[in-house]
PDB file of N, CA and C in Angstrom:
ATOM      1  N   MET A   1       0.229  10.728  -8.438  1.00  0.00           N
ATOM      2  CA  MET A   1      -1.335  10.602  -8.332  1.00  0.00           C
ATOM      3  C   MET A   1      -1.942  10.604  -7.058  1.00  0.00           C
ATOM      4  N   SER A   2      -0.987  11.423  -6.374  1.00  0.00           N
ATOM      5  CA  SER A   2      -1.476  12.019  -5.014  1.00  0.00           C
ATOM      6  C   SER A   2      -2.367  13.084  -5.359  1.00  0.00           C
ATOM      7  N   GLY A   3      -3.253  13.407  -4.148  1.00  0.00           N
ATOM      8  CA  GLY A   3      -4.342  14.139  -3.369  1.00  0.00           C
ATOM      9  C   GLY A   3      -5.134  14.487  -5.388  1.00  0.00           C
ATOM     10  N   ASN A   4      -5.534  13.741  -6.031  1.00  0.00           N
ATOM     11  CA  ASN A   4      -7.037  13.471  -6.675  1.00  0.00           C
ATOM     12  C   ASN A   4      -8.250  12.927  -6.938  1.00  0.00           C
ATOM     13  N   GLN A   5      -8.224  12.160  -5.153  1.00  0.00           N
ATOM     14  CA  GLN A   5      -9.586  11.825  -4.950  1.00  0.00           C
ATOM     15  C   GLN A   5     -10.196  10.523  -5.460  1.00  0.00           C
ATOM     16  N   ILE A   6      -9.090   9.962  -5.800  1.00  0.00           N
ATOM     17  CA  ILE A   6      -8.976   8.643  -5.897  1.00  0.00           C
ATOM     18  C   ILE A   6      -9.560   7.840  -5.205  1.00  0.00           C
ATOM     19  N   THR A   7     -10.263   6.831  -5.737  1.00  0.00           N
ATOM     20  CA  THR A   7     -11.375   6.116  -4.735  1.00  0.00           C
ATOM     21  C   THR A   7     -11.573   4.230  -5.075  1.00  0.00           C
ATOM     22  N   TYR A   8     -10.447   3.972  -5.680  1.00  0.00           N
ATOM     23  CA  TYR A   8     -10.181   2.707  -6.047  1.00  0.00           C
ATOM     24  C   TYR A   8      -8.974   2.433  -6.763  1.00  0.00           C
ATOM     25  N   ILE A   9      -8.288   1.559  -6.430  1.00  0.00           N
ATOM     26  CA  ILE A   9      -7.108   1.046  -7.765  1.00  0.00           C
ATOM     27  C   ILE A   9      -7.528   0.038  -8.667  1.00  0.00           C
ATOM     28  N   PRO A  10      -7.613   0.029 -10.007  1.00  0.00           N
ATOM     29  CA  PRO A  10      -8.050  -0.947 -10.835  1.00  0.00           C
ATOM     30  C   PRO A  10      -6.894  -1.964 -10.685  1.00  0.00           C
ATOM     31  N   ASP A  11      -7.632  -3.193 -10.831  1.00  0.00           N
ATOM     32  CA  ASP A  11      -6.474  -4.113 -11.018  1.00  0.00           C
ATOM     33  C   ASP A  11      -5.869  -4.290 -11.758  1.00  0.00           C
ATOM     34  N   SER A  12      -5.966  -3.483 -12.960  1.00  0.00           N
ATOM     35  CA  SER A  12      -5.021  -3.230 -14.086  1.00  0.00           C
ATOM     36  C   SER A  12      -3.616  -2.485 -13.830  1.00  0.00           C
ATOM     37  N   VAL A  13      -3.720  -2.029 -12.749  1.00  0.00           N
ATOM     38  CA  VAL A  13      -1.996  -1.868 -11.853  1.00  0.00           C
ATOM     39  C   VAL A  13      -1.278  -2.809 -12.614  1.00  0.00           C
ATOM     40  N   SER A  14      -1.703  -3.908 -12.004  1.00  0.00           N
ATOM     41  CA  SER A  14      -0.639  -5.611 -11.978  1.00  0.00           C
ATOM     42  C   SER A  14      -0.136  -4.957 -13.237  1.00  0.00           C
ATOM     43  N   LYS A  15      -0.447  -4.600 -14.727  1.00  0.00           N
ATOM     44  CA  LYS A  15       0.205  -4.485 -15.496  1.00  0.00           C
ATOM     45  C   LYS A  15       1.689  -3.415 -15.644  1.00  0.00           C
ATOM     46  N   LEU A  16       1.437  -2.449 -14.836  1.00  0.00           N
ATOM     47  CA  LEU A  16       2.793  -1.681 -14.411  1.00  0.00           C
ATOM     48  C   LEU A  16       3.903  -2.325 -13.685  1.00  0.00           C
ATOM     49  N   ILE A  17       4.451  -3.319 -14.266  1.00  0.00           N
ATOM     50  CA  ILE A  17       5.496  -4.347 -13.580  1.00  0.00           C
ATOM     51  C   ILE A  17       6.963  -3.840 -13.641  1.00  0.00           C
ATOM     52  N   ASN A  18       7.281  -2.709 -14.328  1.00  0.00           N
ATOM     53  CA  ASN A  18       8.135  -2.209 -14.127  1.00  0.00           C
ATOM     54  C   ASN A  18       8.135  -0.776 -12.968  1.00  0.00           C
ATOM     55  N   LEU A  19       7.270  -0.535 -12.285  1.00  0.00           N
ATOM     56  CA  LEU A  19       6.920   0.521 -11.742  1.00  0.00           C
ATOM     57  C   LEU A  19       8.144   0.280 -10.456  1.00  0.00           C
ATOM     58  N   ASN A  20       8.540   1.562 -10.549  1.00  0.00           N
ATOM     59  CA  ASN A  20       9.424   1.803  -8.881  1.00  0.00           C
ATOM     60  C   ASN A  20       8.912   2.619  -7.925  1.00  0.00           C
ATOM     61  N   LYS A  21       8.053   3.511  -8.271  1.00  0.00           N
ATOM     62  CA  LYS A  21       7.144   4.153  -6.889  1.00  0.00           C
ATOM     63  C   LYS A  21       5.977   4.702  -7.413  1.00  0.00           C
ATOM     64  N   LEU A  22       5.140   4.461  -6.310  1.00  0.00           N
ATOM     65  CA  LEU A  22       3.543   4.411  -6.752  1.00  0.00           C
ATOM     66  C   LEU A  22       3.301   5.592  -5.360  1.00  0.00           C
ATOM     67  N   ASP A  23       3.040   6.876  -5.472  1.00  0.00           N
ATOM     68  CA  ASP A  23       2.790   7.496  -4.758  1.00  0.00           C
ATOM     69  C   ASP A  23       1.103   8.346  -4.833  1.00  0.00           C
ATOM     70  N   LEU A  24       0.143   7.412  -4.002  1.00  0.00           N
ATOM     71  CA  LEU A  24      -1.469   8.005  -3.846  1.00  0.00           C
ATOM     72  C   LEU A  24      -1.617   8.777  -2.677  1.00  0.00           C
ATOM     73  N   ARG A  25      -0.670   9.368  -2.056  1.00  0.00           N
ATOM     74  CA  ARG A  25      -1.464   9.616  -1.029  1.00  0.00           C
ATOM     75  C   ARG A  25      -2.148  11.183  -1.418  1.00  0.00           C
ATOM     76  N   PHE A  26      -3.043  11.674  -0.295  1.00  0.00           N
ATOM     77  CA  PHE A  26      -3.742  12.546  -0.500  1.00  0.00           C
ATOM     78  C   PHE A  26      -5.233  11.866  -1.220  1.00  0.00           C
ATOM     79  N   ASN A  27      -5.977  10.388  -0.707  1.00  0.00           N
ATOM     80  CA  ASN A  27      -6.737  10.117  -1.969  1.00  0.00           C
ATOM     81  C   ASN A  27      -7.444  10.003  -1.003  1.00  0.00           C
ATOM     82  N   GLU A  28      -9.219   9.109  -1.387  1.00  0.00           N
ATOM     83  CA  GLU A  28     -10.068   8.860  -0.387  1.00  0.00           C
ATOM     84  C   GLU A  28     -10.291   7.194  -1.391  1.00  0.00           C
ATOM     85  N   LEU A  29      -9.096   6.164  -1.097  1.00  0.00           N
ATOM     86  CA  LEU A  29      -8.815   4.830  -1.392  1.00  0.00           C
ATOM     87  C   LEU A  29      -9.404   4.313  -0.014  1.00  0.00           C
ATOM     88  N   SER A  30     -10.180   3.821   0.014  1.00  0.00           N
ATOM     89  CA  SER A  30     -10.592   2.216   1.097  1.00  0.00           C
ATOM     90  C   SER A  30     -10.268   0.792   1.246  1.00  0.00           C
ATOM     91  N   SER A  31      -9.783   0.031  -0.050  1.00  0.00           N
ATOM     92  CA  SER A  31      -9.114  -0.486  -0.171  1.00  0.00           C
ATOM     93  C   SER A  31      -7.909  -0.695  -1.074  1.00  0.00           C
ATOM     94  N   ILE A  32      -6.660  -1.579  -1.013  1.00  0.00           N
ATOM     95  CA  ILE A  32      -6.130  -2.347  -2.056  1.00  0.00           C
ATOM     96  C   ILE A  32      -6.358  -3.135  -2.773  1.00  0.00           C
ATOM     97  N   PRO A  33      -6.260  -3.789  -3.798  1.00  0.00           N
ATOM     98  CA  PRO A  33      -6.169  -4.911  -4.594  1.00  0.00           C
ATOM     99  C   PRO A  33      -4.813  -5.422  -4.453  1.00  0.00           C
ATOM    100  N   ASP A  34      -5.476  -7.064  -4.587  1.00  0.00           N
ATOM    101  CA  ASP A  34      -4.678  -7.646  -4.248  1.00  0.00           C
ATOM    102  C   ASP A  34      -3.553  -7.795  -5.762  1.00  0.00           C
ATOM    103  N   SER A  35      -3.554  -7.276  -6.132  1.00  0.00           N
ATOM    104  CA  SER A  35      -3.600  -7.228  -7.964  1.00  0.00           C
ATOM    105  C   SER A  35      -1.820  -6.593  -7.786  1.00  0.00           C
ATOM    106  N   ILE A  36      -1.915  -5.532  -6.557  1.00  0.00           N
ATOM    107  CA  ILE A  36      -0.656  -5.009  -6.333  1.00  0.00           C
ATOM    108  C   ILE A  36       0.796  -5.906  -5.929  1.00  0.00           C
ATOM    109  N   SER A  37       0.275  -6.507  -5.408  1.00  0.00           N
ATOM    110  CA  SER A  37       1.290  -7.525  -5.626  1.00  0.00           C
ATOM    111  C   SER A  37       2.214  -8.163  -6.343  1.00  0.00           C
ATOM    112  N   LYS A  38       1.415  -7.653  -7.397  1.00  0.00           N
ATOM    113  CA  LYS A  38       2.374  -8.269  -8.934  1.00  0.00           C
ATOM    114  C   LYS A  38       2.853  -6.948  -9.411  1.00  0.00           C
ATOM    115  N   LEU A  39       3.363  -5.747  -8.317  1.00  0.00           N
ATOM    116  CA  LEU A  39       4.581  -4.886  -9.055  1.00  0.00           C
ATOM    117  C   LEU A  39       5.771  -5.045  -8.219  1.00  0.00           C
ATOM    118  N   THR A  40       5.965  -6.158  -8.921  1.00  0.00           N
ATOM    119  CA  THR A  40       7.487  -6.850  -8.256  1.00  0.00           C
ATOM    120  C   THR A  40       8.607  -5.809  -8.237  1.00  0.00           C
ATOM    121  N   ASN A  41       8.769  -4.885  -9.129  1.00  0.00           N
ATOM    122  CA  ASN A  41       9.598  -4.075  -8.946  1.00  0.00           C
ATOM    123  C   ASN A  41       9.434  -2.779  -7.683  1.00  0.00           C
ATOM    124  N   LEU A  42       8.426  -2.690  -7.418  1.00  0.00           N
ATOM    125  CA  LEU A  42       7.706  -1.382  -6.751  1.00  0.00           C
ATOM    126  C   LEU A  42       9.262  -0.978  -5.192  1.00  0.00           C
ATOM    127  N   ASN A  43       9.410   0.119  -5.227  1.00  0.00           N
ATOM    128  CA  ASN A  43      10.481   0.145  -4.200  1.00  0.00           C
ATOM    129  C   ASN A  43       9.882   1.074  -3.216  1.00  0.00           C
ATOM    130  N   SER A  44       8.622   1.963  -3.457  1.00  0.00           N
ATOM    131  CA  SER A  44       8.277   2.903  -2.700  1.00  0.00           C
ATOM    132  C   SER A  44       6.501   3.276  -2.631  1.00  0.00           C
ATOM    133  N   LEU A  45       5.621   2.745  -1.613  1.00  0.00           N
ATOM    134  CA  LEU A  45       3.900   3.115  -1.680  1.00  0.00           C
ATOM    135  C   LEU A  45       4.259   3.751  -0.932  1.00  0.00           C
ATOM    136  N   TYR A  46       3.487   5.376  -1.454  1.00  0.00           N
ATOM    137  CA  TYR A  46       2.758   6.022  -0.730  1.00  0.00           C
ATOM    138  C   TYR A  46       1.418   6.075  -0.779  1.00  0.00           C
ATOM    139  N   LEU A  47       0.638   5.823   0.491  1.00  0.00           N
ATOM    140  CA  LEU A  47      -0.864   5.686   0.464  1.00  0.00           C
ATOM    141  C   LEU A  47      -0.860   6.656   2.353  1.00  0.00           C
ATOM    142  N   ASN A  48      -0.426   7.262   2.571  1.00  0.00           N
ATOM    143  CA  ASN A  48      -0.477   7.940   3.490  1.00  0.00           C
ATOM    144  C   ASN A  48      -2.077   9.242   3.519  1.00  0.00           C
ATOM    145  N   SER A  49      -3.365   9.312   4.391  1.00  0.00           N
ATOM    146  CA  SER A  49      -3.895   9.753   3.763  1.00  0.00           C
ATOM    147  C   SER A  49      -4.909   9.393   3.206  1.00  0.00           C
ATOM    148  N   ASN A  50      -5.681   8.217   3.229  1.00  0.00           N
ATOM    149  CA  ASN A  50      -6.323   7.734   3.019  1.00  0.00           C
ATOM    150  C   ASN A  50      -7.575   6.816   3.619  1.00  0.00           C
ATOM    151  N   GLN A  51      -8.710   6.249   3.283  1.00  0.00           N
ATOM    152  CA  GLN A  51      -9.377   6.140   3.910  1.00  0.00           C
ATOM    153  C   GLN A  51      -9.639   4.445   4.202  1.00  0.00           C
ATOM    154  N   LEU A  52      -7.687   4.135   4.432  1.00  0.00           N
ATOM    155  CA  LEU A  52      -7.940   2.306   4.434  1.00  0.00           C
ATOM    156  C   LEU A  52      -7.895   1.657   6.067  1.00  0.00           C
ATOM    157  N   SER A  53      -8.788   0.838   6.184  1.00  0.00           N
ATOM    158  CA  SER A  53      -8.830   0.108   7.581  1.00  0.00           C
ATOM    159  C   SER A  53      -8.007  -1.152   7.047  1.00  0.00           C
ATOM    160  N   SER A  54      -7.515  -1.445   6.209  1.00  0.00           N
ATOM    161  CA  SER A  54      -6.492  -2.760   6.128  1.00  0.00           C
ATOM    162  C   SER A  54      -5.235  -2.336   5.213  1.00  0.00           C
ATOM    163  N   ILE A  55      -4.788  -3.492   5.094  1.00  0.00           N
ATOM    164  CA  ILE A  55      -4.041  -4.036   3.907  1.00  0.00           C
ATOM    165  C   ILE A  55      -3.698  -4.941   3.801  1.00  0.00           C
ATOM    166  N   PRO A  56      -4.052  -5.863   2.459  1.00  0.00           N
ATOM    167  CA  PRO A  56      -4.005  -6.549   2.114  1.00  0.00           C
ATOM    168  C   PRO A  56      -2.908  -8.127   2.493  1.00  0.00           C
ATOM    169  N   TYR A  57      -2.571  -9.284   2.865  1.00  0.00           N
ATOM    170  CA  TYR A  57      -2.219  -9.711   3.262  1.00  0.00           C
ATOM    171  C   TYR A  57      -0.833  -9.696   1.734  1.00  0.00           C
ATOM    172  N   SER A  58      -1.102  -9.752   0.349  1.00  0.00           N
ATOM    173  CA  SER A  58      -0.802  -9.676  -0.494  1.00  0.00           C
ATOM    174  C   SER A  58       0.399  -8.696  -0.359  1.00  0.00           C
ATOM    175  N   ILE A  59       0.622  -7.776   0.393  1.00  0.00           N
ATOM    176  CA  ILE A  59       1.596  -7.007  -0.032  1.00  0.00           C
ATOM    177  C   ILE A  59       3.006  -7.270   0.551  1.00  0.00           C
ATOM    178  N   ILE A  60       3.021  -8.757   0.685  1.00  0.00           N
ATOM    179  CA  ILE A  60       4.176  -8.485   1.507  1.00  0.00           C
ATOM    180  C   ILE A  60       4.990  -9.740   0.481  1.00  0.00           C
ATOM    181  N   GLN A  61       4.187  -9.650  -0.985  1.00  0.00           N
ATOM    182  CA  GLN A  61       4.592 -10.210  -1.810  1.00  0.00           C
ATOM    183  C   GLN A  61       6.064  -9.192  -2.666  1.00  0.00           C
ATOM    184  N   LEU A  62       5.484  -8.004  -2.273  1.00  0.00           N
ATOM    185  CA  LEU A  62       6.261  -6.963  -2.736  1.00  0.00           C
ATOM    186  C   LEU A  62       7.965  -7.125  -1.918  1.00  0.00           C
ATOM    187  N   THR A  63       8.758  -8.505  -2.320  1.00  0.00           N
ATOM    188  CA  THR A  63       9.852  -7.752  -1.903  1.00  0.00           C
ATOM    189  C   THR A  63      11.194  -6.901  -2.236  1.00  0.00           C
ATOM    190  N   ASN A  64      10.784  -6.025  -3.873  1.00  0.00           N
ATOM    191  CA  ASN A  64      11.601  -4.863  -3.215  1.00  0.00           C
ATOM    192  C   ASN A  64      11.461  -3.770  -2.585  1.00  0.00           C
ATOM    193  N   LEU A  65       9.851  -3.745  -1.900  1.00  0.00           N
ATOM    194  CA  LEU A  65       9.826  -2.319  -1.726  1.00  0.00           C
ATOM    195  C   LEU A  65      10.132  -2.956   0.014  1.00  0.00           C
ATOM    196  N   ASN A  66      10.754  -0.970  -0.122  1.00  0.00           N
ATOM    197  CA  ASN A  66      10.893  -0.727   0.723  1.00  0.00           C
ATOM    198  C   ASN A  66      11.003   0.086   2.276  1.00  0.00           C
ATOM    199  N   GLU A  67      10.187   0.889   1.294  1.00  0.00           N
ATOM    200  CA  GLU A  67       9.163   2.393   1.709  1.00  0.00           C
ATOM    201  C   GLU A  67       7.921   1.989   1.791  1.00  0.00           C
ATOM    202  N   LEU A  68       6.892   2.013   2.941  1.00  0.00           N
ATOM    203  CA  LEU A  68       5.887   1.842   2.394  1.00  0.00           C
ATOM    204  C   LEU A  68       5.250   3.293   3.602  1.00  0.00           C
ATOM    205  N   TYR A  69       4.677   3.752   2.708  1.00  0.00           N
ATOM    206  CA  TYR A  69       3.662   4.960   4.192  1.00  0.00           C
ATOM    207  C   TYR A  69       2.313   5.149   3.851  1.00  0.00           C
ATOM    208  N   LEU A  70       1.768   4.298   5.392  1.00  0.00           N
ATOM    209  CA  LEU A  70       0.700   4.404   5.716  1.00  0.00           C
ATOM    210  C   LEU A  70      -0.181   5.060   6.588  1.00  0.00           C
ATOM    211  N   SER A  71       0.579   6.253   6.799  1.00  0.00           N
ATOM    212  CA  SER A  71       0.059   7.112   8.136  1.00  0.00           C
ATOM    213  C   SER A  71      -1.580   7.926   7.722  1.00  0.00           C
ATOM    214  N   GLY A  72      -2.140   8.535   8.323  1.00  0.00           N
ATOM    215  CA  GLY A  72      -3.361   8.979   8.464  1.00  0.00           C
ATOM    216  C   GLY A  72      -4.477   8.573   8.017  1.00  0.00           C
ATOM    217  N   ASN A  73      -4.619   6.990   8.217  1.00  0.00           N
ATOM    218  CA  ASN A  73      -5.581   5.742   7.733  1.00  0.00           C
ATOM    219  C   ASN A  73      -5.931   5.870   8.980  1.00  0.00           C
ATOM    220  N   PRO A  74      -7.771   5.167   8.785  1.00  0.00           N
ATOM    221  CA  PRO A  74      -8.058   4.437  10.130  1.00  0.00           C
ATOM    222  C   PRO A  74      -7.137   3.024  10.166  1.00  0.00           C
ATOM    223  N   LEU A  75      -6.336   2.457   9.979  1.00  0.00           N
ATOM    224  CA  LEU A  75      -6.204   1.249   9.865  1.00  0.00           C
ATOM    225  C   LEU A  75      -6.453   0.248  11.276  1.00  0.00           C
ATOM    226  N   ASP A  76      -6.849  -0.945  11.027  1.00  0.00           N
ATOM    227  CA  ASP A  76      -7.216  -2.447  11.716  1.00  0.00           C
ATOM    228  C   ASP A  76      -6.228  -2.996  11.613  1.00  0.00           C
ATOM    229  N   LYS A  77      -6.087  -3.574  10.471  1.00  0.00           N
ATOM    230  CA  LYS A  77      -5.117  -5.128  10.148  1.00  0.00           C
ATOM    231  C   LYS A  77      -4.042  -4.299   9.351  1.00  0.00           C
ATOM    232  N   PRO A  78      -2.682  -4.075   9.577  1.00  0.00           N
ATOM    233  CA  PRO A  78      -2.706  -4.230  10.653  1.00  0.00           C
ATOM    234  C   PRO A  78      -2.717  -2.732  11.234  1.00  0.00           C
ATOM    235  N   PRO A  79      -2.320  -3.095  12.887  1.00  0.00           N
ATOM    236  CA  PRO A  79      -3.086  -1.906  13.711  1.00  0.00           C
ATOM    237  C   PRO A  79      -1.967  -1.043  13.633  1.00  0.00           C
ATOM    238  N   ILE A  80      -2.316   0.084  13.275  1.00  0.00           N
ATOM    239  CA  ILE A  80      -1.719   1.664  13.179  1.00  0.00           C
ATOM    240  C   ILE A  80      -0.016   1.573  13.910  1.00  0.00           C
ATOM    241  N   ALA A  81      -0.756   0.880  14.975  1.00  0.00           N
ATOM    242  CA  ALA A  81       1.373   1.080  15.498  1.00  0.00           C
ATOM    243  C   ALA A  81       2.712   0.072  15.142  1.00  0.00           C
ATOM    244  N   ILE A  82       1.733  -0.894  13.754  1.00  0.00           N
ATOM    245  CA  ILE A  82       2.584  -1.854  13.644  1.00  0.00           C
ATOM    246  C   ILE A  82       2.338  -0.753  12.339  1.00  0.00           C
ATOM    247  N   ALA A  83       1.380  -0.774  11.798  1.00  0.00           N
ATOM    248  CA  ALA A  83       1.842   0.476  10.126  1.00  0.00           C
ATOM    249  C   ALA A  83       2.674   0.730  10.157  1.00  0.00           C
ATOM    250  N   VAL A  84       2.914   1.713  11.231  1.00  0.00           N
ATOM    251  CA  VAL A  84       3.652   3.396  11.250  1.00  0.00           C
ATOM    252  C   VAL A  84       5.299   2.822  11.366  1.00  0.00           C
ATOM    253  N   GLU A  85       5.788   1.147  11.520  1.00  0.00           N
ATOM    254  CA  GLU A  85       6.402   0.988  11.863  1.00  0.00           C
ATOM    255  C   GLU A  85       7.291   0.631  10.514  1.00  0.00           C
ATOM    256  N   GLY A  86       6.297   0.557   9.907  1.00  0.00           N
ATOM    257  CA  GLY A  86       6.972   0.534   8.188  1.00  0.00           C
ATOM    258  C   GLY A  86       7.042  -1.240   7.321  1.00  0.00           C
ATOM    259  N   ILE A  87       6.881  -1.246   6.387  1.00  0.00           N
ATOM    260  CA  ILE A  87       7.005  -2.830   5.141  1.00  0.00           C
ATOM    261  C   ILE A  87       7.597  -4.290   5.953  1.00  0.00           C
ATOM    262  N   TYR A  88       8.742  -3.853   6.974  1.00  0.00           N
ATOM    263  CA  TYR A  88       9.649  -4.530   7.803  1.00  0.00           C
ATOM    264  C   TYR A  88       8.806  -5.618   8.907  1.00  0.00           C
ATOM    265  N   ALA A  89       7.838  -4.329   9.830  1.00  0.00           N
ATOM    266  CA  ALA A  89       6.850  -4.899  10.675  1.00  0.00           C
ATOM    267  C   ALA A  89       5.512  -5.309  10.197  1.00  0.00           C
ATOM    268  N   ILE A  90       5.414  -5.007   9.071  1.00  0.00           N
ATOM    269  CA  ILE A  90       3.900  -5.424   8.818  1.00  0.00           C
ATOM    270  C   ILE A  90       4.160  -6.929   7.547  1.00  0.00           C
ATOM    271  N   ARG A  91       5.457  -7.305   7.425  1.00  0.00           N
ATOM    272  CA  ARG A  91       5.979  -8.149   7.195  1.00  0.00           C
ATOM    273  C   ARG A  91       6.062  -9.198   8.702  1.00  0.00           C
ATOM    274  N   GLU A  92       6.740  -9.349   8.909  1.00  0.00           N
ATOM    275  CA  GLU A  92       6.864  -9.739  10.241  1.00  0.00           C
ATOM    276  C   GLU A  92       5.282 -10.206  11.040  1.00  0.00           C
ATOM    277  N   TYR A  93       4.360  -8.697  11.481  1.00  0.00           N
ATOM    278  CA  TYR A  93       3.012  -9.582  11.245  1.00  0.00           C
ATOM    279  C   TYR A  93       2.015 -10.255  10.585  1.00  0.00           C
ATOM    280  N   PHE A  94       2.239 -10.471   9.375  1.00  0.00           N
ATOM    281  CA  PHE A  94       1.524 -11.324   8.563  1.00  0.00           C
ATOM    282  C   PHE A  94       2.198 -13.039   8.735  1.00  0.00           C
ATOM    283  N   GLN A  95       3.171 -12.674   8.582  1.00  0.00           N
ATOM    284  CA  GLN A  95       4.368 -14.042   9.077  1.00  0.00           C
ATOM    285  C   GLN A  95       3.541 -15.371  10.001  1.00  0.00           C
TER     286      GLN A  95
END
């Protein structure tokens, strides 16, 4: 779903419980729904080059998530310096 000018992620994404990888790079996303926390099998999440200013606290509930890519977003929360360090730094930031 990369590069499709997607502007939002519907809450129904939470029904994709067996999803391992979600690639939403190069879109127009301005937020991530809390329902993404239901994707408990997610290993990789690509959100590079969107319009995200924040990542929801609920992202730390994705315990199998090993790869989280956020570069190219105007992030405030967590700060970009933390976000580019990856999911482990983000988990620490939110705790």
